[in-house]
Amino acid sequence: MNSEAQEGGCQCGAVRYRTSERPKRVLACHCTGCKRRTGAAYGVGVYFAENDVVITGDPMQTYEVRSDESGRWIRSEFCASCGTTVTWTLELRPGLRAIAGGTYDNPDWFVIQAHIWTRSARGDMRYPDHVDVFEKALPPA
């Protein structure tokens, strides 16, 4: 097993995955869509090149929504049995796949690099000193 490889899956175990290599980026997103998708104060996406993610187990269901800000689609994939969102892709970032950070067997292995869409964050949110914070999306690379 590659030393960078990590595994995880949905709540019921019907969907499993393995990621390899280092993530391209790790973001905490405070947009309304991520909060609704996760049921939490923010979502954590660990982004990889598509071919660095292998998904096994049961087929997942898909839900697509368009951003009210950009009009671009976000396609979530979730377990058909337990409803856990495991992964998503973005029209804006072809070739990348995000893994929901909380679905890793060891969710402490990655480091959040930035908090985005903080204009939608809870009023009591505090950010670590070592991460970048953006009111909206990441600036263009």
N, C-alpha and C. Protein backbone atom coordinates (compact mmCIF):
# COMPACT_ATOMS: atom_id res chain seq x y z
N MET A 1 0.85 -1.18 0.00
CA MET A 1 0.00 0.00 0.00
C MET A 1 0.89 1.25 0.00
N ASN A 2 0.60 2.16 -0.89
CA ASN A 2 1.31 3.44 -0.97
C ASN A 2 1.25 4.13 0.39
N SER A 3 2.35 4.75 0.81
CA SER A 3 2.37 5.41 2.11
C SER A 3 1.39 6.58 2.18
N GLU A 4 0.98 7.11 1.02
CA GLU A 4 0.01 8.20 0.97
C GLU A 4 -1.42 7.67 0.95
N ALA A 5 -1.62 6.39 0.71
CA ALA A 5 -2.97 5.84 0.55
C ALA A 5 -3.75 5.91 1.85
N GLN A 6 -5.02 6.29 1.71
CA GLN A 6 -5.94 6.37 2.84
C GLN A 6 -7.26 5.75 2.41
N GLU A 7 -8.01 5.22 3.37
CA GLU A 7 -9.28 4.58 3.07
C GLU A 7 -10.40 5.18 3.89
N GLY A 8 -11.61 4.96 3.41
CA GLY A 8 -12.79 5.42 4.13
C GLY A 8 -14.04 4.88 3.47
N GLY A 9 -15.18 5.41 3.91
CA GLY A 9 -16.44 4.95 3.34
C GLY A 9 -17.63 5.58 4.04
N CYS A 10 -18.78 5.10 3.65
CA CYS A 10 -20.04 5.63 4.18
C CYS A 10 -20.31 5.08 5.58
N GLN A 11 -21.38 5.55 6.17
CA GLN A 11 -21.73 5.17 7.54
C GLN A 11 -22.05 3.69 7.67
N CYS A 12 -22.74 3.11 6.69
CA CYS A 12 -23.14 1.70 6.80
C CYS A 12 -22.10 0.74 6.25
N GLY A 13 -21.09 1.25 5.53
CA GLY A 13 -20.03 0.40 5.00
C GLY A 13 -20.30 -0.16 3.61
N ALA A 14 -21.42 0.17 3.01
CA ALA A 14 -21.75 -0.34 1.67
C ALA A 14 -20.87 0.27 0.59
N VAL A 15 -20.38 1.49 0.81
CA VAL A 15 -19.49 2.16 -0.13
C VAL A 15 -18.15 2.37 0.55
N ARG A 16 -17.09 1.99 -0.13
CA ARG A 16 -15.73 2.17 0.38
C ARG A 16 -14.90 2.85 -0.70
N TYR A 17 -13.81 3.45 -0.30
CA TYR A 17 -12.90 4.07 -1.27
C TYR A 17 -11.48 4.03 -0.74
N ARG A 18 -10.57 4.23 -1.66
CA ARG A 18 -9.16 4.40 -1.33
C ARG A 18 -8.65 5.58 -2.14
N THR A 19 -7.94 6.49 -1.49
CA THR A 19 -7.29 7.58 -2.20
C THR A 19 -5.79 7.34 -2.14
N SER A 20 -5.11 7.77 -3.18
CA SER A 20 -3.66 7.62 -3.22
C SER A 20 -3.04 8.97 -3.56
N GLU A 21 -1.78 9.07 -3.30
CA GLU A 21 -1.06 10.33 -3.51
C GLU A 21 -1.50 11.36 -2.48
N ARG A 22 -0.97 12.55 -2.59
CA ARG A 22 -1.34 13.66 -1.70
C ARG A 22 -2.52 14.39 -2.33
N PRO A 23 -3.41 14.96 -1.53
CA PRO A 23 -4.51 15.72 -2.12
C PRO A 23 -4.00 16.98 -2.81
N LYS A 24 -4.73 17.41 -3.82
CA LYS A 24 -4.39 18.64 -4.54
C LYS A 24 -4.67 19.85 -3.65
N ARG A 25 -5.75 19.74 -2.86
CA ARG A 25 -6.05 20.79 -1.87
C ARG A 25 -7.08 20.25 -0.91
N VAL A 26 -7.15 20.88 0.27
CA VAL A 26 -8.11 20.51 1.30
C VAL A 26 -8.79 21.80 1.76
N LEU A 27 -10.11 21.86 1.60
CA LEU A 27 -10.85 23.08 1.88
C LEU A 27 -12.00 22.84 2.85
N ALA A 28 -12.21 23.79 3.73
CA ALA A 28 -13.42 23.83 4.55
C ALA A 28 -14.32 24.88 3.90
N CYS A 29 -15.52 24.47 3.51
CA CYS A 29 -16.43 25.36 2.79
C CYS A 29 -17.65 25.69 3.64
N HIS A 30 -17.93 26.98 3.76
CA HIS A 30 -19.03 27.46 4.58
C HIS A 30 -20.23 27.90 3.75
N CYS A 31 -20.27 27.53 2.45
CA CYS A 31 -21.41 27.93 1.62
C CYS A 31 -22.68 27.22 2.11
N THR A 32 -23.81 27.78 1.78
CA THR A 32 -25.08 27.21 2.20
C THR A 32 -25.25 25.79 1.68
N GLY A 33 -24.83 25.54 0.44
CA GLY A 33 -24.95 24.20 -0.13
C GLY A 33 -24.17 23.16 0.65
N CYS A 34 -22.95 23.46 1.02
CA CYS A 34 -22.14 22.50 1.79
C CYS A 34 -22.72 22.29 3.18
N LYS A 35 -23.24 23.34 3.78
CA LYS A 35 -23.86 23.18 5.10
C LYS A 35 -25.09 22.27 5.01
N ARG A 36 -25.88 22.44 3.98
CA ARG A 36 -27.06 21.58 3.82
C ARG A 36 -26.67 20.16 3.46
N ARG A 37 -25.67 20.02 2.60
CA ARG A 37 -25.23 18.69 2.17
C ARG A 37 -24.71 17.87 3.34
N THR A 38 -24.00 18.53 4.27
CA THR A 38 -23.40 17.80 5.39
C THR A 38 -24.24 17.81 6.66
N GLY A 39 -25.15 18.79 6.77
CA GLY A 39 -25.87 18.94 8.02
C GLY A 39 -24.99 19.48 9.13
N ALA A 40 -23.89 20.13 8.76
CA ALA A 40 -22.91 20.62 9.73
C ALA A 40 -22.65 22.11 9.49
N ALA A 41 -21.82 22.70 10.33
CA ALA A 41 -21.49 24.12 10.22
C ALA A 41 -20.70 24.43 8.96
N TYR A 42 -19.97 23.44 8.42
CA TYR A 42 -19.25 23.58 7.16
C TYR A 42 -18.89 22.19 6.65
N GLY A 43 -18.57 22.12 5.36
CA GLY A 43 -18.13 20.87 4.76
C GLY A 43 -16.63 20.88 4.56
N VAL A 44 -16.01 19.70 4.60
CA VAL A 44 -14.58 19.58 4.34
C VAL A 44 -14.42 18.70 3.10
N GLY A 45 -13.76 19.27 2.09
CA GLY A 45 -13.49 18.53 0.86
C GLY A 45 -12.00 18.29 0.70
N VAL A 46 -11.63 17.03 0.49
CA VAL A 46 -10.25 16.65 0.24
C VAL A 46 -10.19 16.31 -1.25
N TYR A 47 -9.52 17.17 -2.03
CA TYR A 47 -9.58 17.11 -3.49
C TYR A 47 -8.38 16.36 -4.08
N PHE A 48 -8.71 15.41 -5.00
CA PHE A 48 -7.72 14.58 -5.67
C PHE A 48 -7.94 14.61 -7.17
N ALA A 49 -6.91 14.25 -7.92
CA ALA A 49 -7.09 13.93 -9.33
C ALA A 49 -8.02 12.71 -9.37
N GLU A 50 -8.93 12.69 -10.35
CA GLU A 50 -9.92 11.59 -10.45
C GLU A 50 -9.27 10.21 -10.36
N ASN A 51 -8.14 10.02 -11.05
CA ASN A 51 -7.53 8.69 -11.08
C ASN A 51 -6.78 8.33 -9.80
N ASP A 52 -6.78 9.21 -8.81
CA ASP A 52 -6.20 8.90 -7.50
C ASP A 52 -7.26 8.44 -6.50
N VAL A 53 -8.49 8.22 -6.99
CA VAL A 53 -9.60 7.77 -6.14
C VAL A 53 -10.18 6.49 -6.73
N VAL A 54 -10.26 5.45 -5.91
CA VAL A 54 -10.89 4.19 -6.33
C VAL A 54 -12.06 3.93 -5.39
N ILE A 55 -13.26 3.80 -5.97
CA ILE A 55 -14.47 3.57 -5.18
C ILE A 55 -14.92 2.14 -5.40
N THR A 56 -15.24 1.45 -4.30
CA THR A 56 -15.70 0.06 -4.38
C THR A 56 -17.01 -0.08 -3.61
N GLY A 57 -17.63 -1.23 -3.74
CA GLY A 57 -18.87 -1.49 -3.02
C GLY A 57 -20.08 -1.16 -3.86
N ASP A 58 -21.17 -0.84 -3.21
CA ASP A 58 -22.43 -0.59 -3.88
C ASP A 58 -22.38 0.67 -4.74
N PRO A 59 -23.16 0.69 -5.83
CA PRO A 59 -23.26 1.92 -6.63
C PRO A 59 -23.88 3.04 -5.80
N MET A 60 -23.41 4.26 -6.04
CA MET A 60 -23.94 5.41 -5.31
C MET A 60 -25.02 6.11 -6.12
N GLN A 61 -25.84 6.86 -5.43
CA GLN A 61 -26.83 7.72 -6.05
C GLN A 61 -26.18 9.08 -6.29
N THR A 62 -26.73 9.84 -7.23
CA THR A 62 -26.18 11.14 -7.58
C THR A 62 -27.23 12.23 -7.43
N TYR A 63 -26.80 13.38 -6.96
CA TYR A 63 -27.67 14.56 -6.89
C TYR A 63 -26.87 15.74 -7.41
N GLU A 64 -27.46 16.47 -8.35
CA GLU A 64 -26.79 17.62 -8.93
C GLU A 64 -27.56 18.89 -8.61
N VAL A 65 -26.83 19.93 -8.24
CA VAL A 65 -27.41 21.23 -7.93
C VAL A 65 -26.56 22.29 -8.61
N ARG A 66 -27.18 23.40 -8.96
CA ARG A 66 -26.43 24.52 -9.55
C ARG A 66 -26.24 25.59 -8.48
N SER A 67 -25.05 26.13 -8.45
CA SER A 67 -24.72 27.19 -7.50
C SER A 67 -25.56 28.43 -7.79
N ASP A 68 -26.11 29.03 -6.75
CA ASP A 68 -26.87 30.26 -6.95
C ASP A 68 -25.94 31.44 -7.22
N GLU A 69 -24.66 31.27 -6.97
CA GLU A 69 -23.67 32.33 -7.20
C GLU A 69 -23.10 32.27 -8.62
N SER A 70 -22.63 31.07 -9.04
CA SER A 70 -21.94 30.94 -10.32
C SER A 70 -22.80 30.31 -11.42
N GLY A 71 -23.84 29.58 -11.03
CA GLY A 71 -24.65 28.85 -12.01
C GLY A 71 -24.04 27.52 -12.43
N ARG A 72 -22.86 27.18 -11.92
CA ARG A 72 -22.21 25.92 -12.28
C ARG A 72 -22.75 24.77 -11.42
N TRP A 73 -22.65 23.54 -11.98
CA TRP A 73 -23.16 22.39 -11.24
C TRP A 73 -22.14 21.85 -10.24
N ILE A 74 -22.70 21.24 -9.20
CA ILE A 74 -21.98 20.47 -8.20
C ILE A 74 -22.72 19.14 -8.13
N ARG A 75 -22.01 18.04 -8.37
CA ARG A 75 -22.63 16.71 -8.43
C ARG A 75 -22.16 15.89 -7.24
N SER A 76 -23.06 15.65 -6.29
CA SER A 76 -22.76 14.85 -5.10
C SER A 76 -23.10 13.39 -5.36
N GLU A 77 -22.29 12.50 -4.77
CA GLU A 77 -22.57 11.07 -4.84
C GLU A 77 -22.68 10.56 -3.40
N PHE A 78 -23.75 9.81 -3.15
CA PHE A 78 -24.01 9.37 -1.79
C PHE A 78 -24.48 7.92 -1.77
N CYS A 79 -24.31 7.28 -0.62
CA CYS A 79 -24.71 5.89 -0.44
C CYS A 79 -26.22 5.76 -0.54
N ALA A 80 -26.68 4.83 -1.37
CA ALA A 80 -28.11 4.61 -1.55
C ALA A 80 -28.75 3.99 -0.31
N SER A 81 -27.95 3.36 0.55
CA SER A 81 -28.50 2.73 1.75
C SER A 81 -28.60 3.67 2.94
N CYS A 82 -27.49 4.37 3.27
CA CYS A 82 -27.48 5.19 4.48
C CYS A 82 -27.53 6.69 4.20
N GLY A 83 -27.34 7.11 2.95
CA GLY A 83 -27.44 8.52 2.59
C GLY A 83 -26.19 9.35 2.80
N THR A 84 -25.09 8.73 3.24
CA THR A 84 -23.85 9.47 3.47
C THR A 84 -23.30 10.02 2.15
N THR A 85 -23.07 11.34 2.08
CA THR A 85 -22.37 11.90 0.93
C THR A 85 -20.91 11.51 1.07
N VAL A 86 -20.39 10.83 0.05
CA VAL A 86 -19.03 10.33 0.08
C VAL A 86 -18.10 11.19 -0.78
N THR A 87 -18.60 11.65 -1.92
CA THR A 87 -17.75 12.34 -2.88
C THR A 87 -18.57 13.32 -3.71
N TRP A 88 -17.88 14.24 -4.38
CA TRP A 88 -18.55 15.14 -5.31
C TRP A 88 -17.56 15.63 -6.34
N THR A 89 -18.11 16.09 -7.46
CA THR A 89 -17.32 16.71 -8.52
C THR A 89 -17.93 18.08 -8.81
N LEU A 90 -17.10 18.94 -9.38
CA LEU A 90 -17.51 20.32 -9.65
C LEU A 90 -17.29 20.65 -11.12
N GLU A 91 -18.25 21.32 -11.73
CA GLU A 91 -18.09 21.77 -13.11
C GLU A 91 -16.85 22.66 -13.23
N LEU A 92 -16.60 23.46 -12.22
CA LEU A 92 -15.47 24.39 -12.22
C LEU A 92 -14.12 23.69 -12.22
N ARG A 93 -14.04 22.49 -11.70
CA ARG A 93 -12.76 21.79 -11.54
C ARG A 93 -12.79 20.43 -12.22
N PRO A 94 -12.84 20.37 -13.56
CA PRO A 94 -12.85 19.06 -14.24
C PRO A 94 -11.58 18.27 -13.92
N GLY A 95 -11.74 16.97 -13.77
CA GLY A 95 -10.60 16.11 -13.48
C GLY A 95 -10.30 15.96 -12.01
N LEU A 96 -11.01 16.70 -11.14
CA LEU A 96 -10.83 16.57 -9.70
C LEU A 96 -12.06 15.93 -9.07
N ARG A 97 -11.83 15.21 -7.99
CA ARG A 97 -12.91 14.62 -7.21
C ARG A 97 -12.66 14.94 -5.75
N ALA A 98 -13.69 15.41 -5.07
CA ALA A 98 -13.59 15.70 -3.64
C ALA A 98 -14.10 14.51 -2.85
N ILE A 99 -13.41 14.21 -1.79
CA ILE A 99 -13.86 13.21 -0.82
C ILE A 99 -14.30 13.97 0.43
N ALA A 100 -15.46 13.61 0.96
CA ALA A 100 -15.94 14.23 2.20
C ALA A 100 -14.99 13.85 3.33
N GLY A 101 -14.34 14.87 3.91
CA GLY A 101 -13.29 14.64 4.90
C GLY A 101 -13.69 13.77 6.07
N GLY A 102 -14.93 13.88 6.51
CA GLY A 102 -15.39 13.10 7.66
C GLY A 102 -15.62 11.64 7.38
N THR A 103 -15.50 11.21 6.11
CA THR A 103 -15.74 9.80 5.78
C THR A 103 -14.46 8.97 5.80
N TYR A 104 -13.31 9.61 6.02
CA TYR A 104 -12.07 8.84 6.10
C TYR A 104 -12.04 8.01 7.38
N ASP A 105 -11.46 6.81 7.30
CA ASP A 105 -11.27 6.00 8.50
C ASP A 105 -10.43 6.75 9.52
N ASN A 106 -9.44 7.51 9.04
CA ASN A 106 -8.62 8.36 9.90
C ASN A 106 -8.79 9.80 9.40
N PRO A 107 -9.76 10.54 9.94
CA PRO A 107 -10.00 11.90 9.45
C PRO A 107 -8.98 12.93 9.93
N ASP A 108 -7.95 12.48 10.63
CA ASP A 108 -6.92 13.40 11.11
C ASP A 108 -5.68 13.43 10.21
N TRP A 109 -5.66 12.65 9.14
CA TRP A 109 -4.44 12.54 8.34
C TRP A 109 -4.20 13.76 7.45
N PHE A 110 -5.23 14.52 7.11
CA PHE A 110 -5.06 15.66 6.21
C PHE A 110 -5.11 16.97 7.02
N VAL A 111 -4.63 18.05 6.40
CA VAL A 111 -4.63 19.37 7.03
C VAL A 111 -5.46 20.32 6.17
N ILE A 112 -6.42 20.99 6.77
CA ILE A 112 -7.23 21.97 6.05
C ILE A 112 -6.34 23.16 5.69
N GLN A 113 -6.34 23.51 4.40
CA GLN A 113 -5.48 24.58 3.91
C GLN A 113 -6.18 25.94 3.89
N ALA A 114 -7.50 25.93 3.69
CA ALA A 114 -8.22 27.20 3.59
C ALA A 114 -9.68 27.01 3.97
N HIS A 115 -10.28 28.08 4.46
CA HIS A 115 -11.72 28.16 4.69
C HIS A 115 -12.26 29.11 3.63
N ILE A 116 -13.30 28.64 2.89
CA ILE A 116 -13.87 29.44 1.81
C ILE A 116 -15.35 29.72 2.07
N TRP A 117 -15.86 30.72 1.37
CA TRP A 117 -17.26 31.17 1.51
C TRP A 117 -17.59 31.50 2.96
N THR A 118 -16.65 32.15 3.62
CA THR A 118 -16.84 32.47 5.04
C THR A 118 -17.89 33.56 5.25
N ARG A 119 -18.29 34.24 4.19
CA ARG A 119 -19.37 35.22 4.36
C ARG A 119 -20.67 34.54 4.78
N SER A 120 -20.74 33.21 4.55
CA SER A 120 -21.92 32.43 4.96
C SER A 120 -21.68 31.65 6.24
N ALA A 121 -20.54 31.85 6.88
CA ALA A 121 -20.19 31.07 8.07
C ALA A 121 -21.04 31.49 9.27
N ARG A 122 -21.13 30.60 10.23
CA ARG A 122 -21.78 30.93 11.51
C ARG A 122 -21.07 32.12 12.13
N GLY A 123 -21.80 32.92 12.86
CA GLY A 123 -21.23 34.10 13.49
C GLY A 123 -20.19 33.80 14.55
N ASP A 124 -20.24 32.61 15.13
CA ASP A 124 -19.28 32.26 16.18
C ASP A 124 -18.07 31.47 15.66
N MET A 125 -17.94 31.37 14.35
CA MET A 125 -16.83 30.62 13.76
C MET A 125 -15.50 31.33 14.00
N ARG A 126 -14.48 30.54 14.40
CA ARG A 126 -13.13 31.05 14.58
C ARG A 126 -12.20 30.22 13.70
N TYR A 127 -11.20 30.85 13.12
CA TYR A 127 -10.32 30.18 12.17
C TYR A 127 -8.92 30.05 12.73
N PRO A 128 -8.28 28.91 12.49
CA PRO A 128 -6.89 28.75 12.94
C PRO A 128 -5.98 29.76 12.23
N ASP A 129 -4.93 30.17 12.90
CA ASP A 129 -3.99 31.15 12.34
C ASP A 129 -3.26 30.63 11.10
N HIS A 130 -3.10 29.32 10.97
CA HIS A 130 -2.28 28.75 9.89
C HIS A 130 -3.04 28.51 8.59
N VAL A 131 -4.31 28.89 8.49
CA VAL A 131 -5.06 28.66 7.25
C VAL A 131 -5.46 29.98 6.60
N ASP A 132 -5.61 29.92 5.27
CA ASP A 132 -6.12 31.08 4.54
C ASP A 132 -7.63 31.13 4.69
N VAL A 133 -8.18 32.34 4.72
CA VAL A 133 -9.62 32.54 4.89
C VAL A 133 -10.10 33.45 3.76
N PHE A 134 -11.16 33.00 3.04
CA PHE A 134 -11.69 33.75 1.91
C PHE A 134 -13.19 33.96 2.09
N GLU A 135 -13.63 35.19 1.90
CA GLU A 135 -15.04 35.51 2.00
C GLU A 135 -15.88 34.76 0.96
N LYS A 136 -15.30 34.56 -0.22
CA LYS A 136 -15.97 33.83 -1.30
C LYS A 136 -15.08 32.64 -1.68
N ALA A 137 -15.07 32.31 -2.96
CA ALA A 137 -14.29 31.18 -3.45
C ALA A 137 -12.79 31.50 -3.42
N LEU A 138 -12.00 30.46 -3.64
CA LEU A 138 -10.56 30.66 -3.77
C LEU A 138 -10.30 31.59 -4.96
N PRO A 139 -9.31 32.45 -4.86
CA PRO A 139 -8.96 33.26 -6.03
C PRO A 139 -8.39 32.36 -7.13
N PRO A 140 -8.44 32.79 -8.38
CA PRO A 140 -7.89 31.98 -9.48
C PRO A 140 -6.40 31.67 -9.23
N ALA A 141 -6.02 30.48 -9.63
CA ALA A 141 -4.62 30.04 -9.40
C ALA A 141 -3.64 30.83 -10.23
